């Protein structure tokens, strides 16, 4: 019987993770969750690369309430990510 081995555990979301997607080149993972963020991870090293907060409400210098991110998808060339959430928006952005 084959043994299963964890390669990485990505920590960074402060709430449930609802969706994830591998980049077309297999080098990064984008995950979206109940904390209204999309996290981008280096799939080869396990390092955190970027947090996108476009689905979070921002008021007077503070994050107030967020909407969950339900879906993420990479563009075919891997240069952009589309994310959609319960804020009723689809946002297309470039990961840093």
C-alpha atoms as a PDB file:
ATOM      1  CA  UNK A   1       0.000   0.000   0.000  1.00  0.00           C
ATOM      2  CA  UNK A   2       1.358   3.428  -0.951  1.00  0.00           C
ATOM      3  CA  UNK A   3       2.123   5.954   1.785  1.00  0.00           C
ATOM      4  CA  UNK A   4       0.672   9.437   1.408  1.00  0.00           C
ATOM      5  CA  UNK A   5       2.964  12.324   2.300  1.00  0.00           C
ATOM      6  CA  UNK A   6       2.009  15.951   2.859  1.00  0.00           C
ATOM      7  CA  UNK A   7       4.150  18.248   0.767  1.00  0.00           C
ATOM      8  CA  UNK A   8       3.033  21.623   2.152  1.00  0.00           C
ATOM      9  CA  UNK A   9       0.415  23.136   4.389  1.00  0.00           C
ATOM     10  CA  UNK A  10      -0.422  26.673   3.379  1.00  0.00           C
ATOM     11  CA  UNK A  11      -1.473  28.912   6.277  1.00  0.00           C
ATOM     12  CA  UNK A  12      -2.701  32.433   5.802  1.00  0.00           C
ATOM     13  CA  UNK A  13      -6.483  32.536   5.654  1.00  0.00           C
ATOM     14  CA  UNK A  14      -8.297  33.588   8.824  1.00  0.00           C
ATOM     15  CA  UNK A  15     -11.491  31.750   7.838  1.00  0.00           C
ATOM     16  CA  UNK A  16     -12.582  28.727   5.787  1.00  0.00           C
ATOM     17  CA  UNK A  17     -11.013  28.126   2.368  1.00  0.00           C
ATOM     18  CA  UNK A  18     -13.669  27.644  -0.325  1.00  0.00           C
ATOM     19  CA  UNK A  19     -11.730  27.484  -3.572  1.00  0.00           C
ATOM     20  CA  UNK A  20      -8.263  27.087  -5.035  1.00  0.00           C
ATOM     21  CA  UNK A  21      -6.619  26.906  -8.438  1.00  0.00           C
ATOM     22  CA  UNK A  22      -3.172  26.001  -9.740  1.00  0.00           C
ATOM     23  CA  UNK A  23      -1.510  28.464 -12.104  1.00  0.00           C
ATOM     24  CA  UNK A  24      -1.150  27.230 -15.703  1.00  0.00           C
ATOM     25  CA  UNK A  25       2.605  26.719 -15.225  1.00  0.00           C
ATOM     26  CA  UNK A  26       2.075  24.808 -11.960  1.00  0.00           C
ATOM     27  CA  UNK A  27       4.306  27.178  -9.966  1.00  0.00           C
ATOM     28  CA  UNK A  28       1.649  28.989  -7.916  1.00  0.00           C
ATOM     29  CA  UNK A  29      -1.632  28.292  -6.157  1.00  0.00           C
ATOM     30  CA  UNK A  30      -4.401  30.833  -5.561  1.00  0.00           C
ATOM     31  CA  UNK A  31      -6.881  30.186  -2.743  1.00  0.00           C
ATOM     32  CA  UNK A  32     -10.015  32.110  -1.778  1.00  0.00           C
ATOM     33  CA  UNK A  33     -11.974  31.970   1.418  1.00  0.00           C
ATOM     34  CA  UNK A  34     -14.380  33.267   3.978  1.00  0.00           C
ATOM     35  CA  UNK A  35     -11.969  35.992   5.046  1.00  0.00           C
ATOM     36  CA  UNK A  36     -12.716  37.760   1.717  1.00  0.00           C
ATOM     37  CA  UNK A  37      -9.132  37.416   0.513  1.00  0.00           C
ATOM     38  CA  UNK A  38      -7.340  35.590  -2.264  1.00  0.00           C
ATOM     39  CA  UNK A  39      -3.955  34.253  -1.214  1.00  0.00           C
ATOM     40  CA  UNK A  40      -1.259  33.417  -3.768  1.00  0.00           C
ATOM     41  CA  UNK A  41       1.308  30.778  -2.802  1.00  0.00           C
ATOM     42  CA  UNK A  42       4.517  29.490  -4.328  1.00  0.00           C
ATOM     43  CA  UNK A  43       3.611  25.858  -5.010  1.00  0.00           C
ATOM     44  CA  UNK A  44       7.260  24.803  -5.193  1.00  0.00           C
ATOM     45  CA  UNK A  45       8.578  26.305  -1.945  1.00  0.00           C
ATOM     46  CA  UNK A  46       5.361  26.747   0.056  1.00  0.00           C
ATOM     47  CA  UNK A  47       6.023  30.475   0.501  1.00  0.00           C
ATOM     48  CA  UNK A  48       3.282  33.086   0.620  1.00  0.00           C
ATOM     49  CA  UNK A  49       3.545  35.541  -2.281  1.00  0.00           C
ATOM     50  CA  UNK A  50       0.587  37.898  -2.168  1.00  0.00           C
ATOM     51  CA  UNK A  51      -2.763  38.685  -0.531  1.00  0.00           C
ATOM     52  CA  UNK A  52      -5.525  40.284  -2.605  1.00  0.00           C
ATOM     53  CA  UNK A  53      -8.150  42.098  -0.530  1.00  0.00           C
ATOM     54  CA  UNK A  54     -10.422  43.445  -3.259  1.00  0.00           C
ATOM     55  CA  UNK A  55     -13.505  41.699  -1.869  1.00  0.00           C
ATOM     56  CA  UNK A  56     -13.088  43.273   1.607  1.00  0.00           C
ATOM     57  CA  UNK A  57     -14.964  46.395   2.698  1.00  0.00           C
ATOM     58  CA  UNK A  58     -12.541  49.132   3.766  1.00  0.00           C
ATOM     59  CA  UNK A  59     -13.740  52.097   5.794  1.00  0.00           C
ATOM     60  CA  UNK A  60     -11.726  54.851   7.470  1.00  0.00           C
ATOM     61  CA  UNK A  61      -8.497  52.924   7.411  1.00  0.00           C
ATOM     62  CA  UNK A  62      -9.939  49.694   8.795  1.00  0.00           C
ATOM     63  CA  UNK A  63     -11.147  46.456   7.302  1.00  0.00           C
ATOM     64  CA  UNK A  64     -14.759  46.304   8.435  1.00  0.00           C
ATOM     65  CA  UNK A  65     -16.646  43.395   6.948  1.00  0.00           C
ATOM     66  CA  UNK A  66     -15.799  41.107   4.130  1.00  0.00           C
ATOM     67  CA  UNK A  67     -17.548  38.919   1.677  1.00  0.00           C
ATOM     68  CA  UNK A  68     -16.363  35.403   1.048  1.00  0.00           C
ATOM     69  CA  UNK A  69     -14.487  34.507  -2.119  1.00  0.00           C
ATOM     70  CA  UNK A  70     -16.214  31.551  -3.769  1.00  0.00           C
ATOM     71  CA  UNK A  71     -14.168  31.033  -6.906  1.00  0.00           C
ATOM     72  CA  UNK A  72     -10.746  31.796  -8.386  1.00  0.00           C
ATOM     73  CA  UNK A  73      -9.357  31.080 -11.849  1.00  0.00           C
ATOM     74  CA  UNK A  74      -6.064  31.873 -13.554  1.00  0.00           C
ATOM     75  CA  UNK A  75      -5.983  33.298 -17.060  1.00  0.00           C
ATOM     76  CA  UNK A  76      -4.506  30.879 -19.620  1.00  0.00           C
ATOM     77  CA  UNK A  77      -1.233  32.856 -19.701  1.00  0.00           C
ATOM     78  CA  UNK A  78      -1.014  32.959 -15.873  1.00  0.00           C
ATOM     79  CA  UNK A  79      -0.740  36.758 -15.757  1.00  0.00           C
ATOM     80  CA  UNK A  80      -4.152  37.478 -14.230  1.00  0.00           C
ATOM     81  CA  UNK A  81      -6.558  35.957 -11.727  1.00  0.00           C
ATOM     82  CA  UNK A  82     -10.330  36.299 -11.739  1.00  0.00           C
ATOM     83  CA  UNK A  83     -12.080  36.004  -8.387  1.00  0.00           C
ATOM     84  CA  UNK A  84     -15.760  36.042  -7.548  1.00  0.00           C
ATOM     85  CA  UNK A  85     -17.533  36.323  -4.251  1.00  0.00           C
ATOM     86  CA  UNK A  86     -20.623  37.070  -2.262  1.00  0.00           C
ATOM     87  CA  UNK A  87     -20.073  40.792  -2.813  1.00  0.00           C
ATOM     88  CA  UNK A  88     -21.669  40.123  -6.233  1.00  0.00           C
ATOM     89  CA  UNK A  89     -18.524  41.052  -8.157  1.00  0.00           C
ATOM     90  CA  UNK A  90     -16.065  39.324 -10.416  1.00  0.00           C
ATOM     91  CA  UNK A  91     -12.666  40.989 -10.155  1.00  0.00           C
ATOM     92  CA  UNK A  92      -9.766  40.489 -12.534  1.00  0.00           C
ATOM     93  CA  UNK A  93      -6.332  41.441 -11.205  1.00  0.00           C
ATOM     94  CA  UNK A  94      -2.623  40.804 -11.625  1.00  0.00           C
ATOM     95  CA  UNK A  95      -0.900  38.929  -8.798  1.00  0.00           C
ATOM     96  CA  UNK A  96       2.256  40.662  -7.624  1.00  0.00           C
END
